[in-house]
Amino acid sequence: MLGLTIDQLLFLVRGAGWTLVLSLLGFVGGTILGLPVALARSSKLRALRMVASAYVQLIQGIPLPVIMFVVYFGLSIGGFEVPALVAAGLAMTAYSSAYLGEIWKGCIQSVPKTQWEAAECLALTGTQRFVHVILPQALKIAVPPTVGFLVQIVKNTSYSVVIGFFDLTYSAKVLNNSTYKPFLVFSIAAALYFVICYPLSLLAGRFERKLKRV
């Protein structure tokens, strides 16, 4: 089938499955860490903004493969033997949190100032203003770019090949080494990435069009 056996195709599909697992780890971890980053970046406390800004600039200034190397081999040097999945998940979490934090900071700051003033006129506390007035509006704005960034997370999991994690790219590399059919193997891998990412792109576009109608 397509010049490859069923077992070889299933080998690529298993790699795609691990790509999805790593993507989910990166997105969930990035969400958990990215929200505090966004809040810190939007804080009125200058020191908090500076710390969050330094974190974002540090992560965004280092290529993702290098972050994976540092996490994987850094933990090993420290005496912690971690699976490649854990190291890649931690690296993807750091990477995702920096970018999601910036996306969400922009969404929070894009809520009109009049909304803040109106909430203040209702005698709500700072926390109540944010939770009940600002955050719901910011979340609505944040959905399209967040779903769009999820596509980038899926594609960037391919960098985990540098630490030997068995994702779609790694499985394609191994299969190519045994079949010597690079065009065929990597074309199928590209098709699998497309199958994963295209629905997410459509979903992001749908949310964006829906937001414009609101």
N, C-alpha and C. Protein backbone atom coordinates (compact mmCIF):
# COMPACT_ATOMS: atom_id res chain seq x y z
N MET A 1 0.85 -1.21 0.00
CA MET A 1 0.00 0.00 0.00
C MET A 1 0.88 1.25 0.00
N LEU A 2 0.76 2.06 -1.06
CA LEU A 2 1.56 3.27 -1.20
C LEU A 2 3.05 3.00 -1.14
N GLY A 3 3.45 1.75 -1.44
CA GLY A 3 4.86 1.39 -1.40
C GLY A 3 5.36 1.03 -0.03
N LEU A 4 4.48 1.05 0.98
CA LEU A 4 4.84 0.69 2.34
C LEU A 4 3.90 -0.40 2.83
N THR A 5 4.35 -1.18 3.80
CA THR A 5 3.50 -2.22 4.36
C THR A 5 2.54 -1.60 5.39
N ILE A 6 1.53 -2.37 5.76
CA ILE A 6 0.57 -1.91 6.77
C ILE A 6 1.29 -1.61 8.08
N ASP A 7 2.22 -2.48 8.47
CA ASP A 7 2.96 -2.27 9.72
C ASP A 7 3.76 -0.98 9.68
N GLN A 8 4.34 -0.67 8.53
CA GLN A 8 5.12 0.57 8.41
C GLN A 8 4.22 1.80 8.49
N LEU A 9 3.04 1.71 7.88
CA LEU A 9 2.10 2.82 7.98
C LEU A 9 1.61 3.01 9.41
N LEU A 10 1.36 1.88 10.09
CA LEU A 10 0.93 1.95 11.48
C LEU A 10 2.03 2.52 12.36
N PHE A 11 3.27 2.29 11.99
CA PHE A 11 4.42 2.84 12.71
C PHE A 11 4.36 4.37 12.67
N LEU A 12 4.05 4.92 11.49
CA LEU A 12 3.91 6.37 11.36
C LEU A 12 2.70 6.89 12.13
N VAL A 13 1.61 6.13 12.09
CA VAL A 13 0.40 6.55 12.81
C VAL A 13 0.65 6.57 14.32
N ARG A 14 1.42 5.59 14.83
CA ARG A 14 1.76 5.60 16.26
C ARG A 14 2.59 6.84 16.60
N GLY A 15 3.50 7.20 15.70
CA GLY A 15 4.26 8.43 15.92
C GLY A 15 3.36 9.65 15.96
N ALA A 16 2.33 9.67 15.08
CA ALA A 16 1.37 10.77 15.09
C ALA A 16 0.60 10.81 16.41
N GLY A 17 0.30 9.63 16.94
CA GLY A 17 -0.39 9.57 18.23
C GLY A 17 0.43 10.20 19.34
N TRP A 18 1.73 9.93 19.36
CA TRP A 18 2.61 10.52 20.38
C TRP A 18 2.79 12.02 20.15
N THR A 19 2.69 12.45 18.88
CA THR A 19 2.71 13.89 18.60
C THR A 19 1.51 14.57 19.25
N LEU A 20 0.35 13.93 19.17
CA LEU A 20 -0.86 14.47 19.80
C LEU A 20 -0.71 14.51 21.32
N VAL A 21 -0.11 13.47 21.89
CA VAL A 21 0.09 13.44 23.34
C VAL A 21 0.99 14.59 23.78
N LEU A 22 2.10 14.77 23.06
CA LEU A 22 3.03 15.84 23.41
C LEU A 22 2.38 17.21 23.21
N SER A 23 1.59 17.35 22.15
CA SER A 23 0.88 18.61 21.91
C SER A 23 -0.07 18.93 23.06
N LEU A 24 -0.78 17.91 23.52
CA LEU A 24 -1.72 18.11 24.63
C LEU A 24 -0.98 18.50 25.90
N LEU A 25 0.14 17.84 26.17
CA LEU A 25 0.94 18.20 27.35
C LEU A 25 1.41 19.64 27.27
N GLY A 26 1.92 20.02 26.09
CA GLY A 26 2.41 21.39 25.92
C GLY A 26 1.31 22.42 26.05
N PHE A 27 0.13 22.13 25.51
CA PHE A 27 -0.96 23.09 25.57
C PHE A 27 -1.53 23.22 26.98
N VAL A 28 -1.76 22.08 27.64
CA VAL A 28 -2.30 22.12 29.00
C VAL A 28 -1.31 22.78 29.95
N GLY A 29 -0.04 22.37 29.86
CA GLY A 29 0.98 22.98 30.71
C GLY A 29 1.16 24.45 30.41
N GLY A 30 1.13 24.81 29.11
CA GLY A 30 1.25 26.21 28.73
C GLY A 30 0.08 27.04 29.21
N THR A 31 -1.10 26.45 29.24
CA THR A 31 -2.28 27.15 29.73
C THR A 31 -2.18 27.41 31.23
N ILE A 32 -1.76 26.38 31.96
CA ILE A 32 -1.65 26.50 33.42
C ILE A 32 -0.62 27.56 33.80
N LEU A 33 0.51 27.58 33.10
CA LEU A 33 1.57 28.53 33.41
C LEU A 33 1.38 29.86 32.68
N GLY A 34 0.73 29.82 31.52
CA GLY A 34 0.60 31.04 30.72
C GLY A 34 -0.36 32.06 31.30
N LEU A 35 -1.42 31.60 31.97
CA LEU A 35 -2.38 32.54 32.55
C LEU A 35 -1.74 33.41 33.63
N PRO A 36 -0.98 32.82 34.58
CA PRO A 36 -0.29 33.69 35.54
C PRO A 36 0.70 34.65 34.86
N VAL A 37 1.33 34.20 33.79
CA VAL A 37 2.24 35.08 33.05
C VAL A 37 1.48 36.26 32.48
N ALA A 38 0.31 35.98 31.88
CA ALA A 38 -0.51 37.05 31.31
C ALA A 38 -0.97 38.03 32.38
N LEU A 39 -1.40 37.49 33.53
CA LEU A 39 -1.85 38.36 34.62
C LEU A 39 -0.70 39.21 35.16
N ALA A 40 0.49 38.58 35.26
CA ALA A 40 1.65 39.33 35.75
C ALA A 40 2.05 40.42 34.76
N ARG A 41 1.97 40.11 33.47
CA ARG A 41 2.33 41.09 32.44
C ARG A 41 1.34 42.26 32.41
N SER A 42 0.11 42.02 32.89
CA SER A 42 -0.92 43.07 32.91
C SER A 42 -1.04 43.73 34.27
N SER A 43 -0.22 43.31 35.22
CA SER A 43 -0.32 43.81 36.60
C SER A 43 0.10 45.28 36.70
N LYS A 44 -0.42 45.93 37.74
CA LYS A 44 -0.03 47.31 38.01
C LYS A 44 1.30 47.36 38.78
N LEU A 45 1.73 46.20 39.29
CA LEU A 45 3.00 46.14 40.02
C LEU A 45 4.16 46.06 39.04
N ARG A 46 5.02 47.05 39.05
CA ARG A 46 6.12 47.11 38.08
C ARG A 46 7.07 45.93 38.22
N ALA A 47 7.37 45.54 39.46
CA ALA A 47 8.30 44.43 39.69
C ALA A 47 7.76 43.13 39.09
N LEU A 48 6.46 42.92 39.27
CA LEU A 48 5.83 41.71 38.74
C LEU A 48 5.86 41.72 37.21
N ARG A 49 5.60 42.88 36.63
CA ARG A 49 5.65 42.99 35.17
C ARG A 49 7.05 42.72 34.64
N MET A 50 8.05 43.21 35.36
CA MET A 50 9.44 43.03 34.91
C MET A 50 9.85 41.57 34.96
N VAL A 51 9.46 40.87 36.03
CA VAL A 51 9.81 39.45 36.15
C VAL A 51 9.15 38.64 35.03
N ALA A 52 7.86 38.90 34.81
CA ALA A 52 7.14 38.18 33.76
C ALA A 52 7.70 38.51 32.39
N SER A 53 8.05 39.78 32.17
CA SER A 53 8.62 40.19 30.89
C SER A 53 9.97 39.51 30.65
N ALA A 54 10.79 39.42 31.71
CA ALA A 54 12.09 38.76 31.58
C ALA A 54 11.92 37.29 31.22
N TYR A 55 10.94 36.64 31.84
CA TYR A 55 10.67 35.24 31.53
C TYR A 55 10.26 35.06 30.07
N VAL A 56 9.34 35.90 29.60
CA VAL A 56 8.85 35.81 28.22
C VAL A 56 10.00 36.06 27.24
N GLN A 57 10.79 37.09 27.48
CA GLN A 57 11.89 37.40 26.58
C GLN A 57 12.94 36.30 26.57
N LEU A 58 13.17 35.69 27.73
CA LEU A 58 14.15 34.60 27.80
C LEU A 58 13.70 33.40 26.97
N ILE A 59 12.45 32.97 27.17
CA ILE A 59 11.94 31.80 26.45
C ILE A 59 11.82 32.08 24.96
N GLN A 60 11.30 33.26 24.61
CA GLN A 60 11.14 33.58 23.19
C GLN A 60 12.47 33.83 22.49
N GLY A 61 13.50 34.12 23.26
CA GLY A 61 14.81 34.39 22.68
C GLY A 61 15.67 33.16 22.48
N ILE A 62 15.17 32.01 22.92
CA ILE A 62 15.93 30.76 22.78
C ILE A 62 15.17 29.81 21.86
N PRO A 63 15.83 29.26 20.84
CA PRO A 63 15.14 28.31 19.95
C PRO A 63 14.61 27.11 20.73
N LEU A 64 13.45 26.62 20.32
CA LEU A 64 12.81 25.51 21.02
C LEU A 64 13.70 24.26 21.10
N PRO A 65 14.42 23.88 20.03
CA PRO A 65 15.30 22.70 20.16
C PRO A 65 16.35 22.87 21.26
N VAL A 66 16.84 24.10 21.43
CA VAL A 66 17.84 24.35 22.47
C VAL A 66 17.20 24.21 23.85
N ILE A 67 15.96 24.70 24.00
CA ILE A 67 15.25 24.54 25.27
C ILE A 67 15.10 23.05 25.59
N MET A 68 14.77 22.25 24.58
CA MET A 68 14.61 20.81 24.80
C MET A 68 15.93 20.17 25.22
N PHE A 69 17.02 20.58 24.57
CA PHE A 69 18.35 20.08 24.94
C PHE A 69 18.66 20.42 26.40
N VAL A 70 18.43 21.69 26.76
CA VAL A 70 18.76 22.15 28.11
C VAL A 70 17.96 21.39 29.16
N VAL A 71 16.65 21.22 28.91
CA VAL A 71 15.80 20.51 29.87
C VAL A 71 16.23 19.04 29.98
N TYR A 72 16.38 18.39 28.84
CA TYR A 72 16.67 16.95 28.83
C TYR A 72 18.03 16.63 29.45
N PHE A 73 19.07 17.31 28.96
CA PHE A 73 20.41 17.02 29.45
C PHE A 73 20.69 17.73 30.77
N GLY A 74 20.04 18.87 31.00
CA GLY A 74 20.22 19.57 32.27
C GLY A 74 19.71 18.74 33.43
N LEU A 75 18.53 18.14 33.26
CA LEU A 75 17.99 17.28 34.32
C LEU A 75 18.86 16.04 34.52
N SER A 76 19.42 15.54 33.43
CA SER A 76 20.29 14.36 33.55
C SER A 76 21.55 14.70 34.34
N ILE A 77 22.12 15.87 34.05
CA ILE A 77 23.32 16.30 34.78
C ILE A 77 23.00 16.47 36.26
N GLY A 78 21.77 16.93 36.54
CA GLY A 78 21.36 17.14 37.93
C GLY A 78 21.01 15.85 38.65
N GLY A 79 21.14 14.72 37.96
CA GLY A 79 20.89 13.43 38.58
C GLY A 79 19.48 12.92 38.41
N PHE A 80 18.69 13.60 37.58
CA PHE A 80 17.31 13.17 37.34
C PHE A 80 17.21 12.55 35.96
N GLU A 81 16.98 11.25 35.93
CA GLU A 81 16.81 10.56 34.66
C GLU A 81 15.32 10.61 34.28
N VAL A 82 15.01 11.41 33.27
CA VAL A 82 13.62 11.59 32.87
C VAL A 82 13.43 11.06 31.46
N PRO A 83 12.25 10.49 31.19
CA PRO A 83 11.96 10.05 29.82
C PRO A 83 11.94 11.24 28.87
N ALA A 84 12.16 10.95 27.60
CA ALA A 84 12.15 12.02 26.60
C ALA A 84 10.80 12.73 26.55
N LEU A 85 9.71 11.99 26.80
CA LEU A 85 8.37 12.60 26.80
C LEU A 85 8.25 13.66 27.88
N VAL A 86 8.77 13.36 29.07
CA VAL A 86 8.68 14.32 30.17
C VAL A 86 9.50 15.57 29.86
N ALA A 87 10.73 15.37 29.36
CA ALA A 87 11.59 16.51 29.03
C ALA A 87 10.97 17.35 27.92
N ALA A 88 10.46 16.69 26.89
CA ALA A 88 9.84 17.42 25.79
C ALA A 88 8.59 18.14 26.27
N GLY A 89 7.82 17.50 27.16
CA GLY A 89 6.62 18.13 27.71
C GLY A 89 6.95 19.38 28.51
N LEU A 90 8.01 19.31 29.32
CA LEU A 90 8.42 20.48 30.09
C LEU A 90 8.89 21.61 29.18
N ALA A 91 9.65 21.26 28.14
CA ALA A 91 10.13 22.27 27.20
C ALA A 91 8.96 22.91 26.45
N MET A 92 8.00 22.09 26.02
CA MET A 92 6.84 22.62 25.31
C MET A 92 5.98 23.48 26.23
N THR A 93 5.92 23.11 27.51
CA THR A 93 5.17 23.91 28.49
C THR A 93 5.78 25.30 28.62
N ALA A 94 7.10 25.35 28.77
CA ALA A 94 7.77 26.64 28.90
C ALA A 94 7.58 27.48 27.64
N TYR A 95 7.76 26.85 26.49
CA TYR A 95 7.60 27.54 25.21
C TYR A 95 6.16 28.06 25.04
N SER A 96 5.20 27.21 25.29
CA SER A 96 3.79 27.58 25.11
C SER A 96 3.37 28.67 26.09
N SER A 97 3.82 28.56 27.33
CA SER A 97 3.39 29.53 28.34
C SER A 97 3.86 30.94 28.00
N ALA A 98 5.07 31.07 27.44
CA ALA A 98 5.57 32.40 27.09
C ALA A 98 4.73 33.03 25.98
N TYR A 99 4.39 32.24 24.97
CA TYR A 99 3.62 32.79 23.85
C TYR A 99 2.15 32.96 24.20
N LEU A 100 1.57 31.99 24.90
CA LEU A 100 0.18 32.12 25.32
C LEU A 100 0.02 33.29 26.29
N GLY A 101 1.00 33.46 27.17
CA GLY A 101 0.96 34.58 28.10
C GLY A 101 0.90 35.91 27.37
N GLU A 102 1.68 36.05 26.31
CA GLU A 102 1.67 37.28 25.53
C GLU A 102 0.35 37.46 24.78
N ILE A 103 -0.16 36.35 24.23
CA ILE A 103 -1.45 36.41 23.52
C ILE A 103 -2.54 36.87 24.47
N TRP A 104 -2.59 36.25 25.65
CA TRP A 104 -3.66 36.56 26.59
C TRP A 104 -3.48 37.94 27.22
N LYS A 105 -2.24 38.37 27.38
CA LYS A 105 -2.02 39.73 27.88
C LYS A 105 -2.63 40.74 26.92
N GLY A 106 -2.39 40.54 25.63
CA GLY A 106 -2.97 41.42 24.64
C GLY A 106 -4.49 41.40 24.65
N CYS A 107 -5.06 40.23 24.89
CA CYS A 107 -6.52 40.11 24.94
C CYS A 107 -7.09 40.84 26.14
N ILE A 108 -6.42 40.72 27.27
CA ILE A 108 -6.87 41.42 28.49
C ILE A 108 -6.80 42.93 28.28
N GLN A 109 -5.71 43.39 27.70
CA GLN A 109 -5.53 44.83 27.51
C GLN A 109 -6.40 45.38 26.39
N SER A 110 -6.95 44.49 25.53
CA SER A 110 -7.80 44.95 24.44
C SER A 110 -9.23 45.21 24.89
N VAL A 111 -9.58 44.77 26.09
CA VAL A 111 -10.92 45.08 26.63
C VAL A 111 -11.00 46.59 26.83
N PRO A 112 -12.02 47.24 26.29
CA PRO A 112 -12.10 48.71 26.36
C PRO A 112 -11.98 49.23 27.80
N LYS A 113 -11.32 50.35 27.93
CA LYS A 113 -11.12 50.95 29.25
C LYS A 113 -12.44 51.29 29.92
N THR A 114 -13.45 51.58 29.11
CA THR A 114 -14.75 51.92 29.66
C THR A 114 -15.36 50.75 30.45
N GLN A 115 -15.00 49.52 30.06
CA GLN A 115 -15.50 48.36 30.80
C GLN A 115 -14.91 48.31 32.20
N TRP A 116 -13.64 48.65 32.32
CA TRP A 116 -13.00 48.72 33.64
C TRP A 116 -13.67 49.81 34.48
N GLU A 117 -13.91 50.95 33.85
CA GLU A 117 -14.50 52.08 34.58
C GLU A 117 -15.92 51.78 35.01
N ALA A 118 -16.66 51.08 34.12
CA ALA A 118 -18.04 50.74 34.47
C ALA A 118 -18.08 49.76 35.64
N ALA A 119 -17.17 48.80 35.63
CA ALA A 119 -17.11 47.84 36.73
C ALA A 119 -16.73 48.52 38.04
N GLU A 120 -15.85 49.52 37.93
CA GLU A 120 -15.44 50.26 39.14
C GLU A 120 -16.61 51.06 39.69
N CYS A 121 -17.46 51.59 38.80
CA CYS A 121 -18.62 52.36 39.24
C CYS A 121 -19.64 51.49 39.98
N LEU A 122 -19.59 50.19 39.73
CA LEU A 122 -20.50 49.26 40.41
C LEU A 122 -19.99 48.88 41.80
N ALA A 123 -18.88 49.48 42.20
CA ALA A 123 -18.28 49.24 43.52
C ALA A 123 -17.79 47.81 43.67
N LEU A 124 -17.35 47.22 42.57
CA LEU A 124 -16.79 45.87 42.64
C LEU A 124 -15.33 45.96 43.06
N THR A 125 -14.86 44.93 43.74
CA THR A 125 -13.45 44.88 44.10
C THR A 125 -12.63 44.61 42.85
N GLY A 126 -11.31 44.75 42.97
CA GLY A 126 -10.43 44.51 41.83
C GLY A 126 -10.59 43.10 41.29
N THR A 127 -10.67 42.12 42.20
CA THR A 127 -10.82 40.73 41.79
C THR A 127 -12.17 40.50 41.12
N GLN A 128 -13.22 41.07 41.69
CA GLN A 128 -14.56 40.93 41.11
C GLN A 128 -14.64 41.58 39.74
N ARG A 129 -13.99 42.74 39.59
CA ARG A 129 -14.00 43.40 38.28
C ARG A 129 -13.34 42.52 37.23
N PHE A 130 -12.23 41.93 37.61
CA PHE A 130 -11.50 41.12 36.63
C PHE A 130 -12.25 39.82 36.30
N VAL A 131 -12.71 39.12 37.34
CA VAL A 131 -13.34 37.81 37.14
C VAL A 131 -14.68 37.91 36.45
N HIS A 132 -15.50 38.88 36.85
CA HIS A 132 -16.88 38.93 36.36
C HIS A 132 -17.10 39.85 35.16
N VAL A 133 -16.18 40.78 34.93
CA VAL A 133 -16.39 41.74 33.84
C VAL A 133 -15.32 41.62 32.75
N ILE A 134 -14.06 41.68 33.14
CA ILE A 134 -12.98 41.73 32.17
C ILE A 134 -12.66 40.36 31.58
N LEU A 135 -12.51 39.35 32.46
CA LEU A 135 -12.08 38.04 32.00
C LEU A 135 -13.04 37.42 30.98
N PRO A 136 -14.37 37.46 31.18
CA PRO A 136 -15.26 36.88 30.16
C PRO A 136 -15.09 37.51 28.78
N GLN A 137 -14.89 38.83 28.74
CA GLN A 137 -14.69 39.50 27.46
C GLN A 137 -13.33 39.16 26.86
N ALA A 138 -12.31 39.07 27.71
CA ALA A 138 -10.97 38.73 27.22
C ALA A 138 -10.93 37.30 26.68
N LEU A 139 -11.66 36.39 27.34
CA LEU A 139 -11.69 35.00 26.90
C LEU A 139 -12.30 34.89 25.51
N LYS A 140 -13.35 35.66 25.27
CA LYS A 140 -14.00 35.63 23.96
C LYS A 140 -13.02 36.08 22.87
N ILE A 141 -12.24 37.09 23.17
CA ILE A 141 -11.26 37.59 22.22
C ILE A 141 -10.11 36.61 22.04
N ALA A 142 -9.79 35.88 23.11
CA ALA A 142 -8.60 35.02 23.12
C ALA A 142 -8.79 33.70 22.38
N VAL A 143 -10.03 33.27 22.20
CA VAL A 143 -10.26 31.93 21.62
C VAL A 143 -9.62 31.75 20.24
N PRO A 144 -9.86 32.65 19.26
CA PRO A 144 -9.27 32.42 17.93
C PRO A 144 -7.74 32.34 17.92
N PRO A 145 -7.02 33.32 18.52
CA PRO A 145 -5.56 33.22 18.49
C PRO A 145 -5.03 32.03 19.29
N THR A 146 -5.75 31.64 20.34
CA THR A 146 -5.31 30.49 21.14
C THR A 146 -5.41 29.20 20.34
N VAL A 147 -6.54 29.01 19.66
CA VAL A 147 -6.70 27.82 18.82
C VAL A 147 -5.70 27.85 17.67
N GLY A 148 -5.47 29.05 17.12
CA GLY A 148 -4.48 29.19 16.06
C GLY A 148 -3.08 28.82 16.55
N PHE A 149 -2.74 29.21 17.77
CA PHE A 149 -1.41 28.87 18.31
C PHE A 149 -1.29 27.38 18.58
N LEU A 150 -2.40 26.71 18.83
CA LEU A 150 -2.37 25.27 19.04
C LEU A 150 -1.82 24.56 17.81
N VAL A 151 -2.09 25.10 16.64
CA VAL A 151 -1.52 24.54 15.41
C VAL A 151 0.01 24.63 15.45
N GLN A 152 0.52 25.76 15.93
CA GLN A 152 1.97 25.92 16.03
C GLN A 152 2.57 24.94 17.05
N ILE A 153 1.84 24.68 18.12
CA ILE A 153 2.32 23.71 19.10
C ILE A 153 2.46 22.33 18.47
N VAL A 154 1.43 21.92 17.71
CA VAL A 154 1.48 20.61 17.05
C VAL A 154 2.68 20.51 16.13
N LYS A 155 2.89 21.53 15.32
CA LYS A 155 4.00 21.49 14.36
C LYS A 155 5.36 21.55 15.06
N ASN A 156 5.43 22.31 16.13
CA ASN A 156 6.72 22.46 16.81
C ASN A 156 7.10 21.26 17.66
N THR A 157 6.17 20.33 17.87
CA THR A 157 6.56 19.09 18.56
C THR A 157 7.59 18.33 17.76
N SER A 158 7.69 18.61 16.46
CA SER A 158 8.67 17.92 15.62
C SER A 158 10.10 18.17 16.09
N TYR A 159 10.32 19.27 16.83
CA TYR A 159 11.67 19.55 17.33
C TYR A 159 12.11 18.55 18.40
N SER A 160 11.15 17.80 18.95
CA SER A 160 11.51 16.82 19.98
C SER A 160 12.37 15.69 19.43
N VAL A 161 12.52 15.64 18.10
CA VAL A 161 13.38 14.63 17.50
C VAL A 161 14.83 14.80 17.97
N VAL A 162 15.20 16.03 18.39
CA VAL A 162 16.58 16.27 18.79
C VAL A 162 16.94 15.55 20.08
N ILE A 163 15.93 15.17 20.88
CA ILE A 163 16.23 14.42 22.11
C ILE A 163 15.72 12.98 22.01
N GLY A 164 15.39 12.57 20.77
CA GLY A 164 15.03 11.17 20.54
C GLY A 164 13.62 10.79 20.96
N PHE A 165 12.71 11.76 21.05
CA PHE A 165 11.34 11.42 21.40
C PHE A 165 10.64 10.83 20.19
N PHE A 166 9.87 9.77 20.41
CA PHE A 166 9.21 9.06 19.32
C PHE A 166 7.92 9.77 18.92
N ASP A 167 8.06 10.82 18.13
CA ASP A 167 6.89 11.50 17.59
C ASP A 167 6.78 11.18 16.10
N LEU A 168 5.94 11.90 15.39
CA LEU A 168 5.74 11.63 13.97
C LEU A 168 7.01 11.86 13.16
N THR A 169 7.71 12.93 13.44
CA THR A 169 8.95 13.21 12.70
C THR A 169 10.00 12.14 12.97
N TYR A 170 10.13 11.74 14.23
CA TYR A 170 11.12 10.71 14.57
C TYR A 170 10.76 9.38 13.91
N SER A 171 9.49 9.01 13.93
CA SER A 171 9.07 7.74 13.32
C SER A 171 9.32 7.77 11.81
N ALA A 172 9.09 8.94 11.18
CA ALA A 172 9.37 9.07 9.75
C ALA A 172 10.86 8.93 9.47
N LYS A 173 11.67 9.50 10.34
CA LYS A 173 13.13 9.40 10.17
C LYS A 173 13.59 7.94 10.28
N VAL A 174 13.07 7.23 11.28
CA VAL A 174 13.45 5.83 11.46
C VAL A 174 12.99 4.99 10.27
N LEU A 175 11.76 5.22 9.83
CA LEU A 175 11.21 4.45 8.71
C LEU A 175 11.99 4.74 7.43
N ASN A 176 12.38 5.98 7.23
CA ASN A 176 13.17 6.33 6.05
C ASN A 176 14.51 5.62 6.06
N ASN A 177 15.11 5.50 7.24
CA ASN A 177 16.41 4.82 7.34
C ASN A 177 16.33 3.34 6.98
N SER A 178 15.15 2.77 7.13
CA SER A 178 15.00 1.35 6.83
C SER A 178 14.44 1.08 5.43
N THR A 179 13.75 2.06 4.85
CA THR A 179 13.14 1.85 3.53
C THR A 179 13.87 2.59 2.41
N TYR A 180 14.62 3.63 2.76
CA TYR A 180 15.31 4.47 1.77
C TYR A 180 14.31 5.05 0.75
N LYS A 181 13.17 5.49 1.27
CA LYS A 181 12.16 6.14 0.44
C LYS A 181 11.77 7.47 1.08
N PRO A 182 12.71 8.43 1.09
CA PRO A 182 12.48 9.68 1.83
C PRO A 182 11.28 10.46 1.32
N PHE A 183 11.11 10.56 0.01
CA PHE A 183 10.00 11.36 -0.52
C PHE A 183 8.66 10.76 -0.10
N LEU A 184 8.53 9.45 -0.22
CA LEU A 184 7.28 8.79 0.14
C LEU A 184 7.00 8.89 1.63
N VAL A 185 8.01 8.57 2.43
CA VAL A 185 7.83 8.53 3.88
C VAL A 185 7.48 9.92 4.43
N PHE A 186 8.24 10.92 4.03
CA PHE A 186 8.00 12.24 4.59
C PHE A 186 6.78 12.91 3.97
N SER A 187 6.37 12.48 2.78
CA SER A 187 5.11 12.97 2.22
C SER A 187 3.93 12.46 3.04
N ILE A 188 4.00 11.20 3.45
CA ILE A 188 2.94 10.64 4.29
C ILE A 188 2.94 11.33 5.65
N ALA A 189 4.14 11.58 6.20
CA ALA A 189 4.24 12.29 7.47
C ALA A 189 3.64 13.69 7.36
N ALA A 190 3.92 14.37 6.25
CA ALA A 190 3.37 15.71 6.03
C ALA A 190 1.84 15.64 5.95
N ALA A 191 1.33 14.60 5.29
CA ALA A 191 -0.13 14.44 5.18
C ALA A 191 -0.76 14.23 6.56
N LEU A 192 -0.08 13.47 7.42
CA LEU A 192 -0.59 13.24 8.77
C LEU A 192 -0.59 14.54 9.59
N TYR A 193 0.48 15.33 9.46
CA TYR A 193 0.50 16.63 10.13
C TYR A 193 -0.66 17.51 9.64
N PHE A 194 -0.91 17.46 8.33
CA PHE A 194 -2.00 18.25 7.76
C PHE A 194 -3.35 17.81 8.31
N VAL A 195 -3.54 16.50 8.43
CA VAL A 195 -4.79 15.96 8.96
C VAL A 195 -5.02 16.43 10.39
N ILE A 196 -3.93 16.56 11.15
CA ILE A 196 -4.04 17.02 12.54
C ILE A 196 -4.29 18.52 12.61
N CYS A 197 -3.55 19.29 11.80
CA CYS A 197 -3.55 20.75 11.94
C CYS A 197 -4.69 21.44 11.20
N TYR A 198 -5.11 20.90 10.06
CA TYR A 198 -6.10 21.60 9.25
C TYR A 198 -7.42 21.82 9.99
N PRO A 199 -7.95 20.81 10.69
CA PRO A 199 -9.19 21.06 11.45
C PRO A 199 -9.04 22.15 12.50
N LEU A 200 -7.86 22.23 13.10
CA LEU A 200 -7.63 23.28 14.10
C LEU A 200 -7.62 24.65 13.44
N SER A 201 -7.03 24.75 12.24
CA SER A 201 -7.03 26.02 11.50
C SER A 201 -8.46 26.43 11.14
N LEU A 202 -9.26 25.46 10.71
CA LEU A 202 -10.66 25.76 10.39
C LEU A 202 -11.42 26.22 11.63
N LEU A 203 -11.13 25.58 12.77
CA LEU A 203 -11.79 25.95 14.02
C LEU A 203 -11.43 27.36 14.43
N ALA A 204 -10.14 27.71 14.29
CA ALA A 204 -9.71 29.07 14.64
C ALA A 204 -10.39 30.10 13.75
N GLY A 205 -10.48 29.80 12.44
CA GLY A 205 -11.15 30.71 11.52
C GLY A 205 -12.62 30.86 11.84
N ARG A 206 -13.25 29.76 12.22
CA ARG A 206 -14.67 29.80 12.57
C ARG A 206 -14.91 30.67 13.79
N PHE A 207 -14.07 30.49 14.81
CA PHE A 207 -14.20 31.31 16.02
C PHE A 207 -13.99 32.80 15.69
N GLU A 208 -13.01 33.08 14.82
CA GLU A 208 -12.72 34.47 14.47
C GLU A 208 -13.89 35.11 13.73
N ARG A 209 -14.49 34.38 12.81
CA ARG A 209 -15.67 34.91 12.09
C ARG A 209 -16.84 35.11 13.04
N LYS A 210 -17.01 34.18 13.97
CA LYS A 210 -18.09 34.30 14.93
C LYS A 210 -17.89 35.50 15.84
N LEU A 211 -16.64 35.75 16.21
CA LEU A 211 -16.32 36.89 17.07
C LEU A 211 -16.63 38.21 16.37
N LYS A 212 -16.38 38.27 15.06
CA LYS A 212 -16.63 39.51 14.31
C LYS A 212 -18.13 39.80 14.22
N ARG A 213 -18.96 38.75 14.27
CA ARG A 213 -20.40 38.96 14.17
C ARG A 213 -21.02 39.40 15.49
N VAL A 214 -20.27 39.15 16.59
CA VAL A 214 -20.80 39.50 17.91
C VAL A 214 -20.71 41.00 18.16
